[in-house]
N, C-alpha and C. Protein backbone atom coordinates (compact mmCIF):
# COMPACT_ATOMS: atom_id res chain seq x y z
N MET A 1 -29.71 -44.51 -67.58
CA MET A 1 -29.99 -45.93 -67.37
C MET A 1 -28.96 -46.80 -68.08
N GLN A 2 -28.67 -46.49 -69.35
CA GLN A 2 -27.68 -47.28 -70.09
C GLN A 2 -26.31 -47.22 -69.43
N ASP A 3 -25.95 -46.04 -68.89
CA ASP A 3 -24.67 -45.92 -68.20
C ASP A 3 -24.62 -46.87 -67.01
N PHE A 4 -25.69 -46.89 -66.22
CA PHE A 4 -25.73 -47.78 -65.06
C PHE A 4 -25.60 -49.23 -65.49
N ILE A 5 -26.38 -49.63 -66.49
CA ILE A 5 -26.34 -51.03 -66.94
C ILE A 5 -24.95 -51.40 -67.43
N SER A 6 -24.34 -50.57 -68.26
CA SER A 6 -23.02 -50.92 -68.79
C SER A 6 -21.96 -50.92 -67.70
N GLU A 7 -22.02 -49.96 -66.77
CA GLU A 7 -21.05 -49.94 -65.66
C GLU A 7 -21.22 -51.16 -64.78
N PHE A 8 -22.46 -51.47 -64.42
CA PHE A 8 -22.71 -52.63 -63.57
C PHE A 8 -22.27 -53.91 -64.26
N LYS A 9 -22.67 -54.06 -65.51
CA LYS A 9 -22.35 -55.27 -66.28
C LYS A 9 -20.85 -55.48 -66.37
N GLN A 10 -20.12 -54.43 -66.73
CA GLN A 10 -18.67 -54.54 -66.88
C GLN A 10 -17.99 -54.93 -65.57
N LEU A 11 -18.34 -54.24 -64.48
CA LEU A 11 -17.71 -54.52 -63.19
C LEU A 11 -18.13 -55.89 -62.66
N PHE A 12 -19.41 -56.21 -62.75
CA PHE A 12 -19.94 -57.48 -62.27
C PHE A 12 -19.22 -58.65 -62.94
N TRP A 13 -19.19 -58.64 -64.28
CA TRP A 13 -18.61 -59.77 -64.99
C TRP A 13 -17.09 -59.83 -64.84
N SER A 14 -16.42 -58.69 -64.76
CA SER A 14 -14.96 -58.73 -64.58
C SER A 14 -14.61 -59.29 -63.20
N LYS A 15 -15.34 -58.89 -62.17
CA LYS A 15 -15.08 -59.43 -60.83
C LYS A 15 -15.46 -60.91 -60.76
N LEU A 16 -16.57 -61.26 -61.36
CA LEU A 16 -17.04 -62.64 -61.30
C LEU A 16 -16.11 -63.58 -62.07
N ASN A 17 -15.64 -63.14 -63.23
CA ASN A 17 -14.78 -63.98 -64.06
C ASN A 17 -13.35 -64.09 -63.53
N ASN A 18 -12.93 -63.14 -62.71
CA ASN A 18 -11.56 -63.15 -62.19
C ASN A 18 -11.44 -63.83 -60.83
N ASN A 19 -12.52 -64.35 -60.31
CA ASN A 19 -12.51 -65.00 -59.00
C ASN A 19 -13.39 -66.23 -59.03
N LYS A 20 -13.21 -67.08 -58.04
CA LYS A 20 -14.01 -68.30 -57.97
C LYS A 20 -15.03 -68.19 -56.85
N TYR A 21 -16.09 -67.47 -57.14
CA TYR A 21 -17.18 -67.33 -56.17
C TYR A 21 -18.16 -68.47 -56.37
N ASN A 22 -18.74 -68.93 -55.27
CA ASN A 22 -19.68 -70.04 -55.34
C ASN A 22 -21.14 -69.61 -55.27
N LYS A 23 -21.37 -68.35 -54.91
CA LYS A 23 -22.74 -67.85 -54.79
C LYS A 23 -22.73 -66.34 -55.01
N ILE A 24 -23.72 -65.85 -55.72
CA ILE A 24 -23.90 -64.40 -55.90
C ILE A 24 -24.95 -63.96 -54.89
N VAL A 25 -24.59 -62.99 -54.05
CA VAL A 25 -25.52 -62.50 -53.03
C VAL A 25 -25.76 -61.01 -53.24
N PHE A 26 -27.01 -60.65 -53.46
CA PHE A 26 -27.40 -59.25 -53.49
C PHE A 26 -27.87 -58.91 -52.08
N LEU A 27 -27.12 -58.05 -51.40
CA LEU A 27 -27.42 -57.65 -50.04
C LEU A 27 -28.05 -56.26 -50.07
N CYS A 28 -29.36 -56.22 -49.91
CA CYS A 28 -30.14 -54.98 -50.08
C CYS A 28 -30.41 -54.36 -48.71
N VAL A 29 -29.65 -53.33 -48.39
CA VAL A 29 -29.62 -52.74 -47.05
C VAL A 29 -30.57 -51.56 -46.93
N GLY A 30 -31.23 -51.45 -45.79
CA GLY A 30 -32.10 -50.31 -45.52
C GLY A 30 -33.34 -50.73 -44.77
N THR A 31 -34.17 -49.76 -44.45
CA THR A 31 -35.40 -50.02 -43.71
C THR A 31 -36.60 -49.41 -44.43
N ASP A 32 -37.74 -50.02 -44.23
CA ASP A 32 -38.96 -49.49 -44.83
C ASP A 32 -39.61 -48.43 -43.93
N ARG A 33 -38.98 -48.12 -42.81
CA ARG A 33 -39.53 -47.14 -41.87
C ARG A 33 -39.10 -45.71 -42.15
N VAL A 34 -38.13 -45.56 -43.05
CA VAL A 34 -37.65 -44.24 -43.45
C VAL A 34 -37.66 -44.23 -44.98
N ILE A 35 -38.44 -43.34 -45.57
CA ILE A 35 -38.65 -43.37 -47.03
C ILE A 35 -37.33 -43.40 -47.80
N GLY A 36 -36.42 -42.50 -47.49
CA GLY A 36 -35.17 -42.43 -48.24
C GLY A 36 -34.31 -43.67 -48.08
N ASP A 37 -34.47 -44.36 -46.95
CA ASP A 37 -33.65 -45.54 -46.68
C ASP A 37 -34.27 -46.82 -47.21
N CYS A 38 -35.45 -46.76 -47.83
CA CYS A 38 -36.08 -47.99 -48.32
C CYS A 38 -35.63 -48.35 -49.73
N PHE A 39 -34.65 -47.62 -50.28
CA PHE A 39 -34.12 -47.93 -51.61
C PHE A 39 -33.64 -49.39 -51.68
N GLY A 40 -32.79 -49.80 -50.75
CA GLY A 40 -32.26 -51.17 -50.76
C GLY A 40 -33.35 -52.23 -50.69
N PRO A 41 -34.24 -52.16 -49.69
CA PRO A 41 -35.32 -53.16 -49.62
C PRO A 41 -36.24 -53.16 -50.85
N LEU A 42 -36.49 -51.99 -51.43
CA LEU A 42 -37.31 -51.94 -52.65
C LEU A 42 -36.59 -52.64 -53.81
N VAL A 43 -35.29 -52.42 -53.93
CA VAL A 43 -34.52 -53.11 -54.98
C VAL A 43 -34.59 -54.62 -54.74
N GLY A 44 -34.41 -55.05 -53.48
CA GLY A 44 -34.49 -56.48 -53.16
C GLY A 44 -35.83 -57.07 -53.54
N GLU A 45 -36.89 -56.36 -53.21
CA GLU A 45 -38.25 -56.80 -53.54
C GLU A 45 -38.41 -56.96 -55.06
N LYS A 46 -37.95 -55.97 -55.80
CA LYS A 46 -38.09 -55.97 -57.26
C LYS A 46 -37.19 -57.03 -57.91
N LEU A 47 -35.98 -57.21 -57.37
CA LEU A 47 -35.08 -58.25 -57.90
C LEU A 47 -35.70 -59.64 -57.71
N LYS A 48 -36.31 -59.87 -56.56
CA LYS A 48 -36.95 -61.17 -56.32
C LYS A 48 -38.04 -61.44 -57.34
N SER A 49 -38.79 -60.41 -57.71
CA SER A 49 -39.83 -60.57 -58.73
C SER A 49 -39.24 -60.86 -60.10
N LEU A 50 -38.15 -60.18 -60.44
CA LEU A 50 -37.54 -60.33 -61.76
C LEU A 50 -36.73 -61.62 -61.89
N ILE A 51 -35.94 -61.93 -60.88
CA ILE A 51 -35.01 -63.06 -60.96
C ILE A 51 -35.66 -64.36 -60.51
N GLY A 52 -36.53 -64.28 -59.52
CA GLY A 52 -37.14 -65.50 -59.00
C GLY A 52 -36.14 -66.30 -58.19
N LYS A 53 -36.29 -67.60 -58.22
CA LYS A 53 -35.39 -68.47 -57.45
C LYS A 53 -34.39 -69.11 -58.40
N LYS A 54 -33.15 -68.67 -58.28
CA LYS A 54 -32.05 -69.30 -59.03
C LYS A 54 -31.06 -69.79 -57.99
N LYS A 55 -30.59 -71.01 -58.15
CA LYS A 55 -29.73 -71.59 -57.11
C LYS A 55 -28.41 -70.85 -56.94
N GLU A 56 -27.94 -70.17 -57.98
CA GLU A 56 -26.65 -69.48 -57.86
C GLU A 56 -26.77 -68.04 -57.36
N ILE A 57 -28.02 -67.57 -57.17
CA ILE A 57 -28.25 -66.18 -56.73
C ILE A 57 -29.11 -66.16 -55.48
N GLU A 58 -28.67 -65.38 -54.51
CA GLU A 58 -29.42 -65.18 -53.27
C GLU A 58 -29.69 -63.68 -53.12
N ILE A 59 -30.93 -63.33 -52.84
CA ILE A 59 -31.29 -61.92 -52.62
C ILE A 59 -31.70 -61.80 -51.16
N ILE A 60 -30.94 -61.00 -50.41
CA ILE A 60 -31.17 -60.85 -48.98
C ILE A 60 -31.50 -59.39 -48.69
N GLY A 61 -32.65 -59.17 -48.08
CA GLY A 61 -33.11 -57.82 -47.77
C GLY A 61 -34.23 -57.40 -48.70
N ASP A 62 -35.41 -57.23 -48.15
CA ASP A 62 -36.57 -56.77 -48.90
C ASP A 62 -37.50 -56.05 -47.94
N LEU A 63 -38.70 -55.73 -48.37
CA LEU A 63 -39.62 -54.98 -47.51
C LEU A 63 -40.10 -55.80 -46.31
N GLU A 64 -40.09 -57.11 -46.44
CA GLU A 64 -40.53 -57.97 -45.34
C GLU A 64 -39.42 -58.20 -44.32
N LYS A 65 -38.20 -58.41 -44.81
CA LYS A 65 -37.05 -58.67 -43.92
C LYS A 65 -35.96 -57.65 -44.25
N THR A 66 -36.01 -56.53 -43.54
CA THR A 66 -35.05 -55.46 -43.81
C THR A 66 -33.73 -55.70 -43.09
N ILE A 67 -32.69 -55.09 -43.64
CA ILE A 67 -31.35 -55.18 -43.06
C ILE A 67 -30.90 -53.78 -42.72
N GLY A 68 -30.66 -53.56 -41.44
CA GLY A 68 -30.22 -52.24 -40.99
C GLY A 68 -28.99 -52.33 -40.12
N ILE A 69 -28.61 -51.22 -39.57
CA ILE A 69 -27.40 -51.12 -38.77
C ILE A 69 -27.45 -52.06 -37.55
N ASN A 70 -28.67 -52.39 -37.08
CA ASN A 70 -28.82 -53.24 -35.90
C ASN A 70 -28.62 -54.72 -36.16
N ASN A 71 -28.84 -55.17 -37.40
CA ASN A 71 -28.73 -56.61 -37.67
C ASN A 71 -27.75 -56.95 -38.79
N ILE A 72 -27.07 -55.97 -39.34
CA ILE A 72 -26.23 -56.24 -40.51
C ILE A 72 -25.04 -57.15 -40.20
N GLU A 73 -24.43 -56.99 -39.03
CA GLU A 73 -23.29 -57.85 -38.69
C GLU A 73 -23.73 -59.31 -38.61
N LYS A 74 -24.89 -59.56 -38.01
CA LYS A 74 -25.41 -60.92 -37.90
C LYS A 74 -25.71 -61.48 -39.29
N VAL A 75 -26.28 -60.67 -40.16
CA VAL A 75 -26.60 -61.10 -41.53
C VAL A 75 -25.32 -61.46 -42.28
N ILE A 76 -24.29 -60.63 -42.16
CA ILE A 76 -23.00 -60.91 -42.82
C ILE A 76 -22.41 -62.22 -42.32
N LYS A 77 -22.45 -62.45 -41.01
CA LYS A 77 -21.93 -63.71 -40.44
C LYS A 77 -22.71 -64.90 -40.99
N THR A 78 -24.03 -64.75 -41.08
CA THR A 78 -24.87 -65.83 -41.61
C THR A 78 -24.53 -66.11 -43.07
N ILE A 79 -24.36 -65.07 -43.86
CA ILE A 79 -23.99 -65.24 -45.28
C ILE A 79 -22.67 -66.00 -45.39
N ASN A 80 -21.67 -65.56 -44.64
CA ASN A 80 -20.35 -66.20 -44.71
C ASN A 80 -20.36 -67.62 -44.17
N HIS A 81 -21.28 -67.91 -43.25
CA HIS A 81 -21.40 -69.26 -42.71
C HIS A 81 -22.15 -70.18 -43.69
N GLU A 82 -23.21 -69.67 -44.30
CA GLU A 82 -24.05 -70.49 -45.18
C GLU A 82 -23.48 -70.70 -46.58
N PHE A 83 -22.72 -69.72 -47.07
CA PHE A 83 -22.24 -69.79 -48.44
C PHE A 83 -20.72 -69.76 -48.47
N ASP A 84 -20.15 -70.70 -49.19
CA ASP A 84 -18.70 -70.77 -49.33
C ASP A 84 -18.26 -69.75 -50.39
N ASN A 85 -17.45 -68.81 -49.99
CA ASN A 85 -16.89 -67.79 -50.88
C ASN A 85 -17.96 -67.04 -51.68
N PRO A 86 -18.85 -66.31 -50.99
CA PRO A 86 -19.91 -65.58 -51.70
C PRO A 86 -19.40 -64.29 -52.35
N PHE A 87 -19.99 -63.95 -53.48
CA PHE A 87 -19.74 -62.67 -54.15
C PHE A 87 -20.87 -61.75 -53.74
N ILE A 88 -20.58 -60.80 -52.83
CA ILE A 88 -21.62 -59.95 -52.26
C ILE A 88 -21.67 -58.61 -52.98
N ILE A 89 -22.85 -58.28 -53.49
CA ILE A 89 -23.10 -56.97 -54.09
C ILE A 89 -24.01 -56.23 -53.12
N SER A 90 -23.50 -55.19 -52.48
CA SER A 90 -24.27 -54.41 -51.52
C SER A 90 -25.06 -53.33 -52.23
N ILE A 91 -26.30 -53.16 -51.82
CA ILE A 91 -27.18 -52.15 -52.43
C ILE A 91 -27.79 -51.33 -51.30
N ASP A 92 -27.65 -50.01 -51.39
CA ASP A 92 -28.14 -49.15 -50.31
C ASP A 92 -28.41 -47.75 -50.82
N ALA A 93 -29.18 -47.01 -50.05
CA ALA A 93 -29.40 -45.58 -50.31
C ALA A 93 -28.15 -44.82 -49.90
N ALA A 94 -27.94 -43.66 -50.51
CA ALA A 94 -26.78 -42.84 -50.16
C ALA A 94 -27.15 -41.37 -50.22
N LEU A 95 -26.34 -40.58 -49.54
CA LEU A 95 -26.45 -39.13 -49.57
C LEU A 95 -25.19 -38.59 -50.22
N ASP A 96 -25.32 -37.56 -51.04
CA ASP A 96 -24.16 -36.99 -51.73
C ASP A 96 -24.46 -35.54 -52.07
N LYS A 97 -23.79 -35.01 -53.07
CA LYS A 97 -24.01 -33.62 -53.50
C LYS A 97 -25.41 -33.48 -54.11
N LYS A 98 -25.99 -32.28 -53.98
CA LYS A 98 -27.34 -32.02 -54.50
C LYS A 98 -27.49 -32.39 -55.97
N GLU A 99 -26.47 -32.05 -56.77
CA GLU A 99 -26.58 -32.29 -58.21
C GLU A 99 -26.54 -33.77 -58.58
N LEU A 100 -26.19 -34.64 -57.63
CA LEU A 100 -26.14 -36.08 -57.90
C LEU A 100 -27.40 -36.82 -57.45
N VAL A 101 -28.33 -36.13 -56.80
CA VAL A 101 -29.56 -36.78 -56.33
C VAL A 101 -30.30 -37.38 -57.54
N GLY A 102 -30.69 -38.64 -57.39
CA GLY A 102 -31.36 -39.37 -58.47
C GLY A 102 -30.43 -40.28 -59.24
N LYS A 103 -29.13 -40.16 -59.02
CA LYS A 103 -28.15 -41.00 -59.72
C LYS A 103 -28.04 -42.36 -59.04
N ILE A 104 -27.71 -43.35 -59.85
CA ILE A 104 -27.42 -44.69 -59.35
C ILE A 104 -25.94 -44.94 -59.63
N VAL A 105 -25.19 -45.18 -58.57
CA VAL A 105 -23.73 -45.25 -58.67
C VAL A 105 -23.25 -46.67 -58.42
N VAL A 106 -22.39 -47.16 -59.31
CA VAL A 106 -21.77 -48.47 -59.16
C VAL A 106 -20.34 -48.26 -58.68
N SER A 107 -19.93 -49.05 -57.70
CA SER A 107 -18.57 -48.92 -57.16
C SER A 107 -17.91 -50.28 -57.05
N GLU A 108 -16.61 -50.32 -57.31
CA GLU A 108 -15.89 -51.59 -57.18
C GLU A 108 -15.53 -51.90 -55.74
N GLN A 109 -15.88 -51.01 -54.82
CA GLN A 109 -15.72 -51.29 -53.40
C GLN A 109 -17.08 -51.64 -52.81
N GLY A 110 -17.04 -52.27 -51.64
CA GLY A 110 -18.27 -52.49 -50.91
C GLY A 110 -18.77 -51.15 -50.38
N LEU A 111 -19.88 -51.17 -49.68
CA LEU A 111 -20.39 -49.91 -49.16
C LEU A 111 -20.22 -49.85 -47.65
N LYS A 112 -20.33 -48.64 -47.14
CA LYS A 112 -20.27 -48.43 -45.70
C LYS A 112 -21.67 -48.01 -45.25
N ALA A 113 -22.45 -48.98 -44.81
CA ALA A 113 -23.83 -48.71 -44.38
C ALA A 113 -23.83 -47.80 -43.17
N GLY A 114 -24.70 -46.81 -43.18
CA GLY A 114 -24.86 -45.91 -42.04
C GLY A 114 -23.90 -44.76 -41.98
N SER A 115 -22.99 -44.65 -42.93
CA SER A 115 -21.98 -43.59 -42.86
C SER A 115 -22.58 -42.20 -43.02
N GLY A 116 -23.69 -42.06 -43.73
CA GLY A 116 -24.33 -40.75 -43.90
C GLY A 116 -24.95 -40.22 -42.62
N LEU A 117 -25.15 -41.12 -41.65
CA LEU A 117 -25.71 -40.71 -40.36
C LEU A 117 -24.66 -40.83 -39.26
N ASN A 118 -23.40 -40.88 -39.67
CA ASN A 118 -22.26 -40.98 -38.75
C ASN A 118 -22.35 -42.21 -37.84
N LYS A 119 -22.88 -43.29 -38.37
CA LYS A 119 -22.93 -44.55 -37.62
C LYS A 119 -21.60 -45.27 -37.85
N ASN A 120 -21.20 -46.07 -36.87
CA ASN A 120 -20.00 -46.88 -37.07
C ASN A 120 -20.30 -47.86 -38.19
N SER A 121 -19.45 -47.88 -39.18
CA SER A 121 -19.72 -48.76 -40.31
C SER A 121 -18.44 -49.42 -40.78
N PHE A 122 -18.61 -50.49 -41.50
CA PHE A 122 -17.50 -51.23 -42.07
C PHE A 122 -17.86 -51.56 -43.50
N GLU A 123 -16.86 -51.87 -44.30
CA GLU A 123 -17.12 -52.13 -45.72
C GLU A 123 -17.79 -53.48 -45.90
N ILE A 124 -18.84 -53.47 -46.73
CA ILE A 124 -19.63 -54.67 -46.97
C ILE A 124 -19.66 -54.95 -48.47
N GLY A 125 -19.19 -56.14 -48.85
CA GLY A 125 -19.32 -56.58 -50.23
C GLY A 125 -18.09 -56.39 -51.08
N GLU A 126 -18.13 -57.06 -52.24
CA GLU A 126 -17.06 -56.97 -53.22
C GLU A 126 -17.30 -55.83 -54.20
N MET A 127 -18.53 -55.38 -54.29
CA MET A 127 -18.90 -54.21 -55.09
C MET A 127 -20.20 -53.67 -54.52
N SER A 128 -20.59 -52.48 -54.96
CA SER A 128 -21.81 -51.90 -54.40
C SER A 128 -22.56 -51.06 -55.43
N VAL A 129 -23.84 -50.89 -55.14
CA VAL A 129 -24.71 -50.02 -55.91
C VAL A 129 -25.35 -49.07 -54.90
N LYS A 130 -25.21 -47.78 -55.16
CA LYS A 130 -25.79 -46.78 -54.26
C LYS A 130 -26.78 -45.92 -55.02
N GLY A 131 -27.95 -45.78 -54.45
CA GLY A 131 -28.95 -44.87 -55.00
C GLY A 131 -28.89 -43.57 -54.22
N ILE A 132 -28.50 -42.50 -54.88
CA ILE A 132 -28.37 -41.21 -54.18
C ILE A 132 -29.76 -40.59 -54.09
N VAL A 133 -30.35 -40.71 -52.91
CA VAL A 133 -31.74 -40.31 -52.70
C VAL A 133 -31.89 -38.89 -52.17
N SER A 134 -30.81 -38.32 -51.65
CA SER A 134 -30.85 -36.95 -51.15
C SER A 134 -29.42 -36.44 -51.01
N TYR A 135 -29.30 -35.20 -50.57
CA TYR A 135 -27.97 -34.61 -50.44
C TYR A 135 -27.48 -34.72 -49.00
N ASN A 136 -26.16 -34.66 -48.84
CA ASN A 136 -25.51 -34.79 -47.55
C ASN A 136 -25.24 -33.40 -46.98
N THR A 137 -25.83 -33.12 -45.82
CA THR A 137 -25.62 -31.82 -45.18
C THR A 137 -24.36 -31.79 -44.33
N GLY A 138 -23.82 -32.97 -44.03
CA GLY A 138 -22.67 -33.06 -43.14
C GLY A 138 -23.09 -33.16 -41.67
N MET A 139 -24.38 -33.07 -41.40
CA MET A 139 -24.90 -33.17 -40.03
C MET A 139 -25.89 -34.33 -39.96
N SER A 140 -25.62 -35.29 -39.09
CA SER A 140 -26.41 -36.52 -39.07
C SER A 140 -27.90 -36.28 -38.80
N LYS A 141 -28.25 -35.37 -37.90
CA LYS A 141 -29.68 -35.12 -37.63
C LYS A 141 -30.38 -34.54 -38.86
N GLN A 142 -29.73 -33.61 -39.53
CA GLN A 142 -30.31 -33.03 -40.75
C GLN A 142 -30.44 -34.09 -41.84
N ASN A 143 -29.42 -34.93 -41.96
CA ASN A 143 -29.46 -36.01 -42.96
C ASN A 143 -30.63 -36.95 -42.70
N PHE A 144 -30.86 -37.27 -41.43
CA PHE A 144 -31.97 -38.16 -41.08
C PHE A 144 -33.31 -37.52 -41.45
N ILE A 145 -33.45 -36.24 -41.19
CA ILE A 145 -34.68 -35.52 -41.56
C ILE A 145 -34.88 -35.56 -43.08
N LEU A 146 -33.79 -35.36 -43.82
CA LEU A 146 -33.88 -35.43 -45.28
C LEU A 146 -34.31 -36.82 -45.74
N LEU A 147 -33.75 -37.86 -45.12
CA LEU A 147 -34.13 -39.23 -45.48
C LEU A 147 -35.61 -39.49 -45.19
N GLN A 148 -36.10 -38.95 -44.08
CA GLN A 148 -37.51 -39.13 -43.72
C GLN A 148 -38.44 -38.43 -44.71
N ASN A 149 -37.96 -37.35 -45.31
CA ASN A 149 -38.81 -36.53 -46.17
C ASN A 149 -38.49 -36.67 -47.66
N THR A 150 -37.77 -37.70 -48.01
CA THR A 150 -37.45 -37.97 -49.41
C THR A 150 -38.71 -38.44 -50.13
N SER A 151 -38.80 -38.12 -51.39
CA SER A 151 -39.96 -38.51 -52.20
C SER A 151 -39.99 -40.03 -52.42
N LEU A 152 -41.09 -40.66 -52.02
CA LEU A 152 -41.25 -42.09 -52.26
C LEU A 152 -41.26 -42.38 -53.76
N GLY A 153 -41.84 -41.49 -54.54
CA GLY A 153 -41.85 -41.67 -55.99
C GLY A 153 -40.45 -41.74 -56.56
N LEU A 154 -39.56 -40.86 -56.10
CA LEU A 154 -38.16 -40.87 -56.56
C LEU A 154 -37.48 -42.17 -56.17
N VAL A 155 -37.63 -42.56 -54.91
CA VAL A 155 -36.97 -43.78 -54.41
C VAL A 155 -37.49 -45.01 -55.15
N ASN A 156 -38.79 -45.09 -55.37
CA ASN A 156 -39.39 -46.22 -56.07
C ASN A 156 -38.92 -46.28 -57.52
N GLU A 157 -38.88 -45.14 -58.19
CA GLU A 157 -38.41 -45.10 -59.58
C GLU A 157 -36.95 -45.53 -59.67
N MET A 158 -36.12 -45.02 -58.76
CA MET A 158 -34.70 -45.41 -58.75
C MET A 158 -34.54 -46.91 -58.48
N ALA A 159 -35.34 -47.45 -57.56
CA ALA A 159 -35.28 -48.88 -57.24
C ALA A 159 -35.69 -49.72 -58.45
N SER A 160 -36.72 -49.29 -59.16
CA SER A 160 -37.16 -50.01 -60.37
C SER A 160 -36.08 -50.00 -61.44
N LEU A 161 -35.47 -48.84 -61.67
CA LEU A 161 -34.40 -48.73 -62.66
C LEU A 161 -33.21 -49.60 -62.27
N THR A 162 -32.88 -49.62 -60.99
CA THR A 162 -31.74 -50.41 -60.50
C THR A 162 -32.00 -51.90 -60.68
N ALA A 163 -33.15 -52.37 -60.22
CA ALA A 163 -33.47 -53.80 -60.33
C ALA A 163 -33.52 -54.23 -61.79
N ASP A 164 -34.16 -53.44 -62.63
CA ASP A 164 -34.25 -53.76 -64.06
C ASP A 164 -32.86 -53.76 -64.70
N GLY A 165 -32.04 -52.79 -64.34
CA GLY A 165 -30.68 -52.72 -64.89
C GLY A 165 -29.83 -53.91 -64.48
N ILE A 166 -29.92 -54.30 -63.22
CA ILE A 166 -29.17 -55.47 -62.73
C ILE A 166 -29.65 -56.72 -63.46
N TYR A 167 -30.95 -56.88 -63.57
CA TYR A 167 -31.51 -58.04 -64.25
C TYR A 167 -31.00 -58.13 -65.69
N ARG A 168 -31.03 -57.01 -66.39
CA ARG A 168 -30.56 -56.99 -67.78
C ARG A 168 -29.06 -57.24 -67.87
N ALA A 169 -28.30 -56.74 -66.91
CA ALA A 169 -26.84 -56.90 -66.94
C ALA A 169 -26.40 -58.33 -66.67
N ILE A 170 -27.12 -59.04 -65.81
CA ILE A 170 -26.69 -60.40 -65.47
C ILE A 170 -27.31 -61.46 -66.37
N ASN A 171 -28.30 -61.10 -67.15
CA ASN A 171 -28.94 -62.05 -68.06
C ASN A 171 -28.53 -61.76 -69.50
N VAL A 172 -27.27 -62.01 -69.80
CA VAL A 172 -26.77 -61.73 -71.16
C VAL A 172 -26.99 -62.91 -72.07
C-alpha cells in the first residue's frame, strides 16, 4: 500500500507541477457486469465518497455510469470539450502475470482499455492506475472467462486500497 501511495503521489505531483492543467479528471473505466472489470467503477464510486465535490476534480465512471469500450471515445470527446486542458488519470482493471495478481500499478503512460481482450484500443490519459485482477492467458476468450470468475472480494479490496491511496496522495 505504501509503495502505491508514494509512487502515485510522486508521479501525480511531478506531472501536475510541470504542466498547466485546468482540471483533474479521474477516468474510471470498466463495467459492473463483469466482476473482474468492475475495478474502475468501484474505484470511481469510492473516490466520490472520499473526495466529494471539489471544483478542480472530476470523477467520471462509477457503478451507476460505467465507461466501457462502447462509449469511451464519446466520453473522451466530452471531457476534452467540457474541460480546457484536463489532466486525465485513467483507472482500469488489468491482466498480467500470475505472480502480479492483486498488485496496483501506477504508470506514467495512459492506459489501453480493452487490450487484454484484444479489443482495438488507444492510449487514454496522462497517467494510469491498473489493478491486476487476474492473469493474462494470451487468449481473449480465456481472459474474458477469468474476468467473469474473478473474486469480487479481491476486486473490492483492491478498489478500496486504490481509492484510499489516491485520496491520501492528493490531500497532502
